[in-house]
Amino acid sequence: MSRYSGIIETIFHRKHSSGMIRVSFSRTEFDEVATELGFARIKNLGDIVYSFRYRASLPQSIQESAPLGYEWIILGAGTAEYEFRLANNGKVSISPHRTEIKIPDATPEILKHYAPGTDEQALLTKVRYNRLIDIFTGLTCYSLQNHYRTTVPIIGQVEVDEIYIGISKNGAHYVLPCQAKSPGDSFGIAQVYQDMALCIYRYPDARCRPIGIQFMSINSVAILELKVVEEDEIFSLSITEEKHYKLVPRGSIDSSDLQDYLIQDNIE
C-alpha cells in the first residue's frame, strides 16, 4: 500500500456511511492520519489529492463502496477543503472511429523542430497556431492565458491548461477553458467542474464552453466540447460535440476533400 493510498482510504472509510453521496474532508487531516499509519511526514500534502484527481485511480476499496454504475471522484470544496462526490460518469474518452478533417498545417517549422513530440505543451502550441479552437467552435478566439493558476472560493486552487476568449458573429462573448491530454488519457469530471466554476466566478458575462483537446498522433488532434450535469447532487460528464483534425501539407488536400467538406457544411 502506498502512503497516498493508505491516507486517502483511511480518511474515506472513517467518514463514509452507506447511502452517502458526498464525504467532506480537509487537508489538515493528512498529517494526523499519516502519523497513525506510521508513514514519514509528507512535505507536499496537496499532492495527495492532486494525484487522485488527475493522475491515479482511487483505491479499489473506495470505488467498491460506490453503487453499481457509479464512482467516487474528488472535488475541491474551498481552500484546503475537499469532498468525495458520487458520479455516474466521471470520465470520458475520445471516439476511435471519427473521420479526420484535413487542415493545412500552419505550425512554424522551427517549432516543429524544437517541439516534435506529443506532450501537452506541443499540443497547445499546434492548436494555437492552427486556430483549431476557432475552427471547432465557429467563434473568433483569442488565447487569454495558459497554465493559469488561481483560487476560486467554492473550489480552492484551480489550474487551467489554456483559456480562450471567443466572440460570435452576433457579438456574444464566450470563455473556453481547455484541458490538454496526451494520447490514451481520458478527460475527468473534476477538471471540467473546476473549469466551469472558474469561468462563472471570473467571467460572469461570458458563456463557458469547456474544451478537451488530445493528440491521437503527432499531427492528429481530437477536440471535444464537454459538459457537467448535476441531478439530485450527483454529477455526470458528457461530450456535446467531438471533431478530429489532421494537420497536413497544403498539397494533401484535394478537390474531392473540399467538396466533401462543403457538403458537410450544407448538411450542418
C-alpha atoms as a PDB file:
ATOM      1  CA  MET A   1       0.000   0.000   0.000  1.00  0.00           C
ATOM      2  CA  SER A   2       1.430   3.396  -0.942  1.00  0.00           C
ATOM      3  CA  ARG A   3       1.376   6.279   1.526  1.00  0.00           C
ATOM      4  CA  TYR A   4      -1.115   8.229  -0.584  1.00  0.00           C
ATOM      5  CA  SER A   5      -3.485   5.264  -0.933  1.00  0.00           C
ATOM      6  CA  GLY A   6      -3.312   4.441   2.754  1.00  0.00           C
ATOM      7  CA  ILE A   7      -4.077   8.010   3.801  1.00  0.00           C
ATOM      8  CA  ILE A   8      -6.970   8.574   1.388  1.00  0.00           C
ATOM      9  CA  GLU A   9      -8.524   5.166   2.167  1.00  0.00           C
ATOM     10  CA  THR A  10      -8.365   5.760   5.906  1.00  0.00           C
ATOM     11  CA  ILE A  11      -9.990   9.178   5.638  1.00  0.00           C
ATOM     12  CA  PHE A  12     -12.757   7.914   3.329  1.00  0.00           C
ATOM     13  CA  HIS A  13     -13.729   4.854   5.345  1.00  0.00           C
ATOM     14  CA  ARG A  14     -13.587   6.783   8.608  1.00  0.00           C
ATOM     15  CA  LYS A  15     -16.187   9.260   7.346  1.00  0.00           C
ATOM     16  CA  HIS A  16     -18.274   7.299   4.844  1.00  0.00           C
ATOM     17  CA  SER A  17     -21.550   5.574   5.675  1.00  0.00           C
ATOM     18  CA  SER A  18     -23.863   3.624   3.384  1.00  0.00           C
ATOM     19  CA  GLY A  19     -26.129   5.883   1.350  1.00  0.00           C
ATOM     20  CA  MET A  20     -23.885   8.954   1.454  1.00  0.00           C
ATOM     21  CA  ILE A  21     -23.288  10.780  -1.845  1.00  0.00           C
ATOM     22  CA  ARG A  22     -20.733  13.293  -0.572  1.00  0.00           C
ATOM     23  CA  VAL A  23     -17.994  12.899   2.024  1.00  0.00           C
ATOM     24  CA  SER A  24     -16.141  16.024   3.186  1.00  0.00           C
ATOM     25  CA  PHE A  25     -12.555  16.105   4.412  1.00  0.00           C
ATOM     26  CA  SER A  26      -9.729  18.575   4.969  1.00  0.00           C
ATOM     27  CA  ARG A  27      -6.062  18.666   4.052  1.00  0.00           C
ATOM     28  CA  THR A  28      -5.247  19.172   7.731  1.00  0.00           C
ATOM     29  CA  GLU A  29      -6.300  15.565   8.376  1.00  0.00           C
ATOM     30  CA  PHE A  30      -3.482  14.143   6.240  1.00  0.00           C
ATOM     31  CA  ASP A  31      -0.680  14.667   8.762  1.00  0.00           C
ATOM     32  CA  GLU A  32      -2.706  13.079  11.569  1.00  0.00           C
ATOM     33  CA  VAL A  33      -3.581  10.012   9.507  1.00  0.00           C
ATOM     34  CA  ALA A  34      -0.022   9.657   8.182  1.00  0.00           C
ATOM     35  CA  THR A  35       1.257   9.580  11.767  1.00  0.00           C
ATOM     36  CA  GLU A  36      -1.359   6.985  12.788  1.00  0.00           C
ATOM     37  CA  LEU A  37      -0.297   4.741   9.901  1.00  0.00           C
ATOM     38  CA  GLY A  38       3.405   5.115  10.699  1.00  0.00           C
ATOM     39  CA  PHE A  39       4.264   6.965   7.489  1.00  0.00           C
ATOM     40  CA  ALA A  40       7.017   9.536   7.222  1.00  0.00           C
ATOM     41  CA  ARG A  41       5.836  13.138   7.086  1.00  0.00           C
ATOM     42  CA  ILE A  42       4.632  14.184   3.616  1.00  0.00           C
ATOM     43  CA  LYS A  43       6.010  17.596   2.656  1.00  0.00           C
ATOM     44  CA  ASN A  44       3.516  18.401  -0.118  1.00  0.00           C
ATOM     45  CA  LEU A  45       0.135  17.438   1.326  1.00  0.00           C
ATOM     46  CA  GLY A  46      -1.725  18.916  -1.628  1.00  0.00           C
ATOM     47  CA  ASP A  47      -0.100  16.361  -3.923  1.00  0.00           C
ATOM     48  CA  ILE A  48      -2.151  13.580  -2.310  1.00  0.00           C
ATOM     49  CA  VAL A  49      -5.426  14.976  -3.619  1.00  0.00           C
ATOM     50  CA  TYR A  50      -3.857  16.153  -6.886  1.00  0.00           C
ATOM     51  CA  SER A  51      -2.612  12.644  -7.554  1.00  0.00           C
ATOM     52  CA  PHE A  52      -6.040  11.033  -7.208  1.00  0.00           C
ATOM     53  CA  ARG A  53      -7.853  13.793  -9.079  1.00  0.00           C
ATOM     54  CA  TYR A  54      -5.603  13.860 -12.136  1.00  0.00           C
ATOM     55  CA  ARG A  55      -3.032  11.060 -12.204  1.00  0.00           C
ATOM     56  CA  ALA A  56      -4.136   7.904 -10.415  1.00  0.00           C
ATOM     57  CA  SER A  57      -7.344   5.991  -9.748  1.00  0.00           C
ATOM     58  CA  LEU A  58      -8.770   5.957  -6.257  1.00  0.00           C
ATOM     59  CA  PRO A  59      -8.013   2.785  -4.258  1.00  0.00           C
ATOM     60  CA  GLN A  60     -10.193  -0.202  -5.070  1.00  0.00           C
ATOM     61  CA  SER A  61     -11.800  -0.316  -1.617  1.00  0.00           C
ATOM     62  CA  ILE A  62     -13.172   3.200  -2.148  1.00  0.00           C
ATOM     63  CA  GLN A  63     -14.530   2.507  -5.624  1.00  0.00           C
ATOM     64  CA  GLU A  64     -16.126  -0.756  -4.490  1.00  0.00           C
ATOM     65  CA  SER A  65     -18.210   1.200  -1.985  1.00  0.00           C
ATOM     66  CA  ALA A  66     -19.987   3.070  -4.797  1.00  0.00           C
ATOM     67  CA  PRO A  67     -23.353   1.730  -6.043  1.00  0.00           C
ATOM     68  CA  LEU A  68     -23.347  -0.202  -9.318  1.00  0.00           C
ATOM     69  CA  GLY A  69     -22.855   2.175 -12.242  1.00  0.00           C
ATOM     70  CA  TYR A  70     -21.429   4.962 -10.084  1.00  0.00           C
ATOM     71  CA  GLU A  71     -17.964   6.020  -8.986  1.00  0.00           C
ATOM     72  CA  TRP A  72     -16.331   8.305  -6.453  1.00  0.00           C
ATOM     73  CA  ILE A  73     -14.499  11.455  -7.540  1.00  0.00           C
ATOM     74  CA  ILE A  74     -12.712  14.152  -5.527  1.00  0.00           C
ATOM     75  CA  LEU A  75     -13.699  17.814  -5.899  1.00  0.00           C
ATOM     76  CA  GLY A  76     -12.369  20.937  -4.268  1.00  0.00           C
ATOM     77  CA  ALA A  77     -14.704  22.489  -1.711  1.00  0.00           C
ATOM     78  CA  GLY A  78     -12.731  25.574  -0.630  1.00  0.00           C
ATOM     79  CA  THR A  79      -9.176  26.376   0.429  1.00  0.00           C
ATOM     80  CA  ALA A  80      -7.600  23.077   1.598  1.00  0.00           C
ATOM     81  CA  GLU A  81     -11.099  21.563   1.751  1.00  0.00           C
ATOM     82  CA  TYR A  82     -12.341  18.682  -0.409  1.00  0.00           C
ATOM     83  CA  GLU A  83     -15.129  16.194  -0.779  1.00  0.00           C
ATOM     84  CA  PHE A  84     -15.661  12.798  -2.309  1.00  0.00           C
ATOM     85  CA  ARG A  85     -18.677  13.064  -4.609  1.00  0.00           C
ATOM     86  CA  LEU A  86     -20.659  10.297  -6.219  1.00  0.00           C
ATOM     87  CA  ALA A  87     -20.737  10.496 -10.037  1.00  0.00           C
ATOM     88  CA  ASN A  88     -22.371   8.253 -12.607  1.00  0.00           C
ATOM     89  CA  ASN A  89     -19.969   9.095 -15.428  1.00  0.00           C
ATOM     90  CA  GLY A  90     -16.731  10.509 -14.117  1.00  0.00           C
ATOM     91  CA  LYS A  91     -14.520  10.094 -17.207  1.00  0.00           C
ATOM     92  CA  VAL A  92     -14.915  10.202 -20.990  1.00  0.00           C
ATOM     93  CA  SER A  93     -12.554   9.265 -23.814  1.00  0.00           C
ATOM     94  CA  ILE A  94     -12.323  10.211 -27.458  1.00  0.00           C
ATOM     95  CA  SER A  95     -14.057   8.058 -30.059  1.00  0.00           C
ATOM     96  CA  PRO A  96     -11.681   5.888 -32.114  1.00  0.00           C
ATOM     97  CA  HIS A  97     -13.937   5.932 -35.184  1.00  0.00           C
ATOM     98  CA  ARG A  98     -14.283   9.597 -36.215  1.00  0.00           C
ATOM     99  CA  THR A  99     -13.290  10.706 -39.704  1.00  0.00           C
ATOM    100  CA  GLU A 100     -10.331  13.076 -39.633  1.00  0.00           C
ATOM    101  CA  ILE A 101     -10.838  16.519 -41.180  1.00  0.00           C
ATOM    102  CA  LYS A 102      -7.765  17.733 -43.050  1.00  0.00           C
ATOM    103  CA  ILE A 103      -6.462  21.165 -42.025  1.00  0.00           C
ATOM    104  CA  PRO A 104      -3.476  22.906 -43.695  1.00  0.00           C
ATOM    105  CA  ASP A 105      -0.683  22.782 -41.145  1.00  0.00           C
ATOM    106  CA  ALA A 106       0.274  26.330 -40.133  1.00  0.00           C
ATOM    107  CA  THR A 107       2.694  25.316 -37.375  1.00  0.00           C
ATOM    108  CA  PRO A 108       6.032  27.137 -37.951  1.00  0.00           C
ATOM    109  CA  GLU A 109       8.727  24.678 -38.995  1.00  0.00           C
ATOM    110  CA  ILE A 110      11.121  25.891 -36.300  1.00  0.00           C
ATOM    111  CA  LEU A 111       8.563  24.988 -33.615  1.00  0.00           C
ATOM    112  CA  LYS A 112       8.161  21.520 -35.092  1.00  0.00           C
ATOM    113  CA  HIS A 113      11.921  21.166 -34.776  1.00  0.00           C
ATOM    114  CA  TYR A 114      12.013  22.133 -31.095  1.00  0.00           C
ATOM    115  CA  ALA A 115       8.674  20.632 -30.022  1.00  0.00           C
ATOM    116  CA  PRO A 116       8.407  17.424 -32.050  1.00  0.00           C
ATOM    117  CA  GLY A 117       6.605  15.264 -29.501  1.00  0.00           C
ATOM    118  CA  THR A 118       3.044  14.689 -28.356  1.00  0.00           C
ATOM    119  CA  ASP A 119       3.223  16.208 -24.890  1.00  0.00           C
ATOM    120  CA  GLU A 120       0.648  18.698 -23.652  1.00  0.00           C
ATOM    121  CA  GLN A 121       2.739  21.784 -24.414  1.00  0.00           C
ATOM    122  CA  ALA A 122       3.318  20.699 -28.015  1.00  0.00           C
ATOM    123  CA  LEU A 123      -0.422  20.059 -28.322  1.00  0.00           C
ATOM    124  CA  LEU A 124      -1.357  23.530 -27.065  1.00  0.00           C
ATOM    125  CA  THR A 125       1.149  25.090 -29.466  1.00  0.00           C
ATOM    126  CA  LYS A 126      -0.233  23.308 -32.528  1.00  0.00           C
ATOM    127  CA  VAL A 127      -3.822  24.051 -31.571  1.00  0.00           C
ATOM    128  CA  ARG A 128      -2.975  27.732 -31.148  1.00  0.00           C
ATOM    129  CA  TYR A 129      -1.062  28.203 -34.424  1.00  0.00           C
ATOM    130  CA  ASN A 130      -3.645  26.316 -36.467  1.00  0.00           C
ATOM    131  CA  ARG A 131      -6.601  28.132 -34.850  1.00  0.00           C
ATOM    132  CA  LEU A 132      -8.295  24.810 -34.180  1.00  0.00           C
ATOM    133  CA  ILE A 133     -10.428  26.235 -31.355  1.00  0.00           C
ATOM    134  CA  ASP A 134     -11.824  28.825 -33.809  1.00  0.00           C
ATOM    135  CA  ILE A 135     -12.487  26.145 -36.414  1.00  0.00           C
ATOM    136  CA  PHE A 136     -14.124  23.777 -33.940  1.00  0.00           C
ATOM    137  CA  THR A 137     -16.390  26.337 -32.273  1.00  0.00           C
ATOM    138  CA  GLY A 138     -17.128  28.660 -35.206  1.00  0.00           C
ATOM    139  CA  LEU A 139     -16.058  31.580 -32.990  1.00  0.00           C
ATOM    140  CA  THR A 140     -13.201  34.044 -33.361  1.00  0.00           C
ATOM    141  CA  CYS A 141     -10.988  33.038 -30.449  1.00  0.00           C
ATOM    142  CA  TYR A 142      -8.037  34.591 -28.677  1.00  0.00           C
ATOM    143  CA  SER A 143      -5.695  32.870 -26.242  1.00  0.00           C
ATOM    144  CA  LEU A 144      -6.013  34.737 -22.951  1.00  0.00           C
ATOM    145  CA  GLN A 145      -3.602  32.794 -20.760  1.00  0.00           C
ATOM    146  CA  ASN A 146      -2.037  29.362 -20.478  1.00  0.00           C
ATOM    147  CA  HIS A 147      -1.193  27.345 -17.386  1.00  0.00           C
ATOM    148  CA  TYR A 148      -3.400  29.700 -15.421  1.00  0.00           C
ATOM    149  CA  ARG A 149      -3.441  29.050 -11.684  1.00  0.00           C
ATOM    150  CA  THR A 150      -5.769  30.881  -9.316  1.00  0.00           C
ATOM    151  CA  THR A 151      -8.182  30.374  -6.423  1.00  0.00           C
ATOM    152  CA  VAL A 152     -11.959  30.095  -6.660  1.00  0.00           C
ATOM    153  CA  PRO A 153     -13.885  30.473  -3.378  1.00  0.00           C
ATOM    154  CA  ILE A 154     -16.108  27.378  -3.659  1.00  0.00           C
ATOM    155  CA  ILE A 155     -13.333  25.203  -5.110  1.00  0.00           C
ATOM    156  CA  GLY A 156      -9.962  26.313  -3.793  1.00  0.00           C
ATOM    157  CA  GLN A 157      -6.916  26.311  -6.057  1.00  0.00           C
ATOM    158  CA  VAL A 158      -7.514  25.577  -9.737  1.00  0.00           C
ATOM    159  CA  GLU A 159      -5.244  25.347 -12.756  1.00  0.00           C
ATOM    160  CA  VAL A 160      -6.279  25.503 -16.411  1.00  0.00           C
ATOM    161  CA  ASP A 161      -4.025  24.459 -19.292  1.00  0.00           C
ATOM    162  CA  GLU A 162      -5.197  27.334 -21.508  1.00  0.00           C
ATOM    163  CA  ILE A 163      -8.083  29.805 -21.603  1.00  0.00           C
ATOM    164  CA  TYR A 164      -9.501  31.264 -24.819  1.00  0.00           C
ATOM    165  CA  ILE A 165     -11.954  34.114 -25.165  1.00  0.00           C
ATOM    166  CA  GLY A 166     -14.291  33.820 -28.155  1.00  0.00           C
ATOM    167  CA  ILE A 167     -16.697  36.177 -29.855  1.00  0.00           C
ATOM    168  CA  SER A 168     -19.608  35.135 -32.061  1.00  0.00           C
ATOM    169  CA  LYS A 169     -20.902  36.795 -35.227  1.00  0.00           C
ATOM    170  CA  ASN A 170     -23.605  38.372 -33.061  1.00  0.00           C
ATOM    171  CA  GLY A 171     -21.102  39.838 -30.599  1.00  0.00           C
ATOM    172  CA  ALA A 172     -21.675  37.381 -27.726  1.00  0.00           C
ATOM    173  CA  HIS A 173     -18.634  36.542 -25.612  1.00  0.00           C
ATOM    174  CA  TYR A 174     -17.539  33.035 -24.669  1.00  0.00           C
ATOM    175  CA  VAL A 175     -14.831  31.744 -22.365  1.00  0.00           C
ATOM    176  CA  LEU A 176     -13.286  28.426 -23.347  1.00  0.00           C
ATOM    177  CA  PRO A 177     -11.154  26.687 -20.714  1.00  0.00           C
ATOM    178  CA  CYS A 178      -9.077  23.961 -22.378  1.00  0.00           C
ATOM    179  CA  GLN A 179      -7.617  20.843 -20.830  1.00  0.00           C
ATOM    180  CA  ALA A 180      -4.912  19.127 -22.862  1.00  0.00           C
ATOM    181  CA  LYS A 181      -4.325  15.384 -22.710  1.00  0.00           C
ATOM    182  CA  SER A 182      -1.593  13.124 -24.007  1.00  0.00           C
ATOM    183  CA  PRO A 183      -2.554  10.119 -26.182  1.00  0.00           C
ATOM    184  CA  GLY A 184      -4.500   7.465 -24.292  1.00  0.00           C
ATOM    185  CA  ASP A 185      -5.551   9.660 -21.362  1.00  0.00           C
ATOM    186  CA  SER A 186      -9.212  10.265 -20.500  1.00  0.00           C
ATOM    187  CA  PHE A 187     -10.972  13.505 -19.560  1.00  0.00           C
ATOM    188  CA  GLY A 188     -12.139  13.707 -15.959  1.00  0.00           C
ATOM    189  CA  ILE A 189     -15.137  15.399 -14.419  1.00  0.00           C
ATOM    190  CA  ALA A 190     -13.120  17.107 -11.660  1.00  0.00           C
ATOM    191  CA  GLN A 191     -11.164  19.204 -14.161  1.00  0.00           C
ATOM    192  CA  VAL A 192     -14.272  20.204 -16.138  1.00  0.00           C
ATOM    193  CA  TYR A 193     -16.175  21.053 -12.955  1.00  0.00           C
ATOM    194  CA  GLN A 194     -13.410  23.322 -11.682  1.00  0.00           C
ATOM    195  CA  ASP A 195     -13.028  24.955 -15.108  1.00  0.00           C
ATOM    196  CA  MET A 196     -16.733  25.798 -15.140  1.00  0.00           C
ATOM    197  CA  ALA A 197     -16.602  27.146 -11.577  1.00  0.00           C
ATOM    198  CA  LEU A 198     -13.645  29.358 -12.504  1.00  0.00           C
ATOM    199  CA  CYS A 199     -15.459  30.765 -15.543  1.00  0.00           C
ATOM    200  CA  ILE A 200     -18.635  31.539 -13.600  1.00  0.00           C
ATOM    201  CA  TYR A 201     -16.587  33.308 -10.927  1.00  0.00           C
ATOM    202  CA  ARG A 202     -14.089  35.207 -13.102  1.00  0.00           C
ATOM    203  CA  TYR A 203     -16.052  35.789 -16.317  1.00  0.00           C
ATOM    204  CA  PRO A 204     -19.749  36.131 -15.395  1.00  0.00           C
ATOM    205  CA  ASP A 205     -20.714  37.919 -18.643  1.00  0.00           C
ATOM    206  CA  ALA A 206     -19.271  35.228 -20.934  1.00  0.00           C
ATOM    207  CA  ARG A 207     -20.763  31.812 -21.575  1.00  0.00           C
ATOM    208  CA  CYS A 208     -18.493  28.951 -20.522  1.00  0.00           C
ATOM    209  CA  ARG A 209     -17.773  26.169 -23.034  1.00  0.00           C
ATOM    210  CA  PRO A 210     -15.248  23.658 -21.599  1.00  0.00           C
ATOM    211  CA  ILE A 211     -12.975  22.146 -24.241  1.00  0.00           C
ATOM    212  CA  GLY A 212     -10.876  18.975 -24.225  1.00  0.00           C
ATOM    213  CA  ILE A 213      -8.009  18.545 -26.681  1.00  0.00           C
ATOM    214  CA  GLN A 214      -5.893  15.455 -27.238  1.00  0.00           C
ATOM    215  CA  PHE A 215      -3.208  14.222 -29.600  1.00  0.00           C
ATOM    216  CA  MET A 216      -4.127  10.997 -31.400  1.00  0.00           C
ATOM    217  CA  SER A 217      -0.797  11.088 -33.236  1.00  0.00           C
ATOM    218  CA  ILE A 218       1.830  13.767 -33.805  1.00  0.00           C
ATOM    219  CA  ASN A 219      -0.345  15.500 -36.443  1.00  0.00           C
ATOM    220  CA  SER A 220      -3.837  14.386 -35.449  1.00  0.00           C
ATOM    221  CA  VAL A 221      -5.850  16.230 -32.806  1.00  0.00           C
ATOM    222  CA  ALA A 222      -9.220  15.418 -31.245  1.00  0.00           C
ATOM    223  CA  ILE A 223     -11.269  18.311 -29.865  1.00  0.00           C
ATOM    224  CA  LEU A 224     -14.308  17.833 -27.649  1.00  0.00           C
ATOM    225  CA  GLU A 225     -16.799  20.154 -26.027  1.00  0.00           C
ATOM    226  CA  LEU A 226     -17.600  18.828 -22.561  1.00  0.00           C
ATOM    227  CA  LYS A 227     -20.477  19.316 -20.152  1.00  0.00           C
ATOM    228  CA  VAL A 228     -21.090  18.562 -16.485  1.00  0.00           C
ATOM    229  CA  VAL A 229     -24.677  17.938 -15.413  1.00  0.00           C
ATOM    230  CA  GLU A 230     -25.835  17.755 -11.794  1.00  0.00           C
ATOM    231  CA  GLU A 231     -29.013  15.869 -10.940  1.00  0.00           C
ATOM    232  CA  ASP A 232     -30.005  15.133  -7.342  1.00  0.00           C
ATOM    233  CA  GLU A 233     -26.484  16.208  -6.277  1.00  0.00           C
ATOM    234  CA  ILE A 234     -24.875  13.544  -8.486  1.00  0.00           C
ATOM    235  CA  PHE A 235     -22.606  14.693 -11.307  1.00  0.00           C
ATOM    236  CA  SER A 236     -22.189  13.237 -14.780  1.00  0.00           C
ATOM    237  CA  LEU A 237     -19.795  14.184 -17.585  1.00  0.00           C
ATOM    238  CA  SER A 238     -20.783  14.111 -21.258  1.00  0.00           C
ATOM    239  CA  ILE A 239     -19.462  15.081 -24.690  1.00  0.00           C
ATOM    240  CA  THR A 240     -21.670  17.557 -26.548  1.00  0.00           C
ATOM    241  CA  GLU A 241     -19.544  17.658 -29.713  1.00  0.00           C
ATOM    242  CA  GLU A 242     -16.397  15.962 -30.996  1.00  0.00           C
ATOM    243  CA  LYS A 243     -14.252  16.537 -34.084  1.00  0.00           C
ATOM    244  CA  HIS A 244     -10.942  15.049 -35.222  1.00  0.00           C
ATOM    245  CA  TYR A 245      -8.475  17.114 -37.246  1.00  0.00           C
ATOM    246  CA  LYS A 246      -5.374  16.072 -39.173  1.00  0.00           C
ATOM    247  CA  LEU A 247      -2.712  18.708 -39.845  1.00  0.00           C
ATOM    248  CA  VAL A 248      -1.368  18.144 -43.354  1.00  0.00           C
ATOM    249  CA  PRO A 249       0.756  19.894 -46.019  1.00  0.00           C
ATOM    250  CA  ARG A 250      -1.246  22.044 -48.438  1.00  0.00           C
ATOM    251  CA  GLY A 251      -0.858  19.550 -51.276  1.00  0.00           C
ATOM    252  CA  SER A 252      -2.520  16.777 -49.274  1.00  0.00           C
ATOM    253  CA  ILE A 253      -5.959  18.398 -49.553  1.00  0.00           C
ATOM    254  CA  ASP A 254      -7.522  17.709 -52.941  1.00  0.00           C
ATOM    255  CA  SER A 255     -10.720  18.771 -54.688  1.00  0.00           C
ATOM    256  CA  SER A 256     -12.701  15.749 -53.504  1.00  0.00           C
ATOM    257  CA  ASP A 257     -11.848  16.583 -49.883  1.00  0.00           C
ATOM    258  CA  LEU A 258     -13.061  20.145 -50.313  1.00  0.00           C
ATOM    259  CA  GLN A 259     -16.291  19.027 -51.989  1.00  0.00           C
ATOM    260  CA  ASP A 260     -16.972  16.637 -49.114  1.00  0.00           C
ATOM    261  CA  TYR A 261     -16.433  19.433 -46.578  1.00  0.00           C
ATOM    262  CA  LEU A 262     -18.800  21.745 -48.482  1.00  0.00           C
ATOM    263  CA  ILE A 263     -21.460  19.041 -48.417  1.00  0.00           C
ATOM    264  CA  GLN A 264     -20.996  18.600 -44.674  1.00  0.00           C
ATOM    265  CA  ASP A 265     -21.315  22.366 -44.182  1.00  0.00           C
ATOM    266  CA  ASN A 266     -24.605  22.397 -46.069  1.00  0.00           C
ATOM    267  CA  ILE A 267     -25.911  19.459 -44.016  1.00  0.00           C
ATOM    268  CA  GLU A 268     -25.000  21.123 -40.731  1.00  0.00           C
END
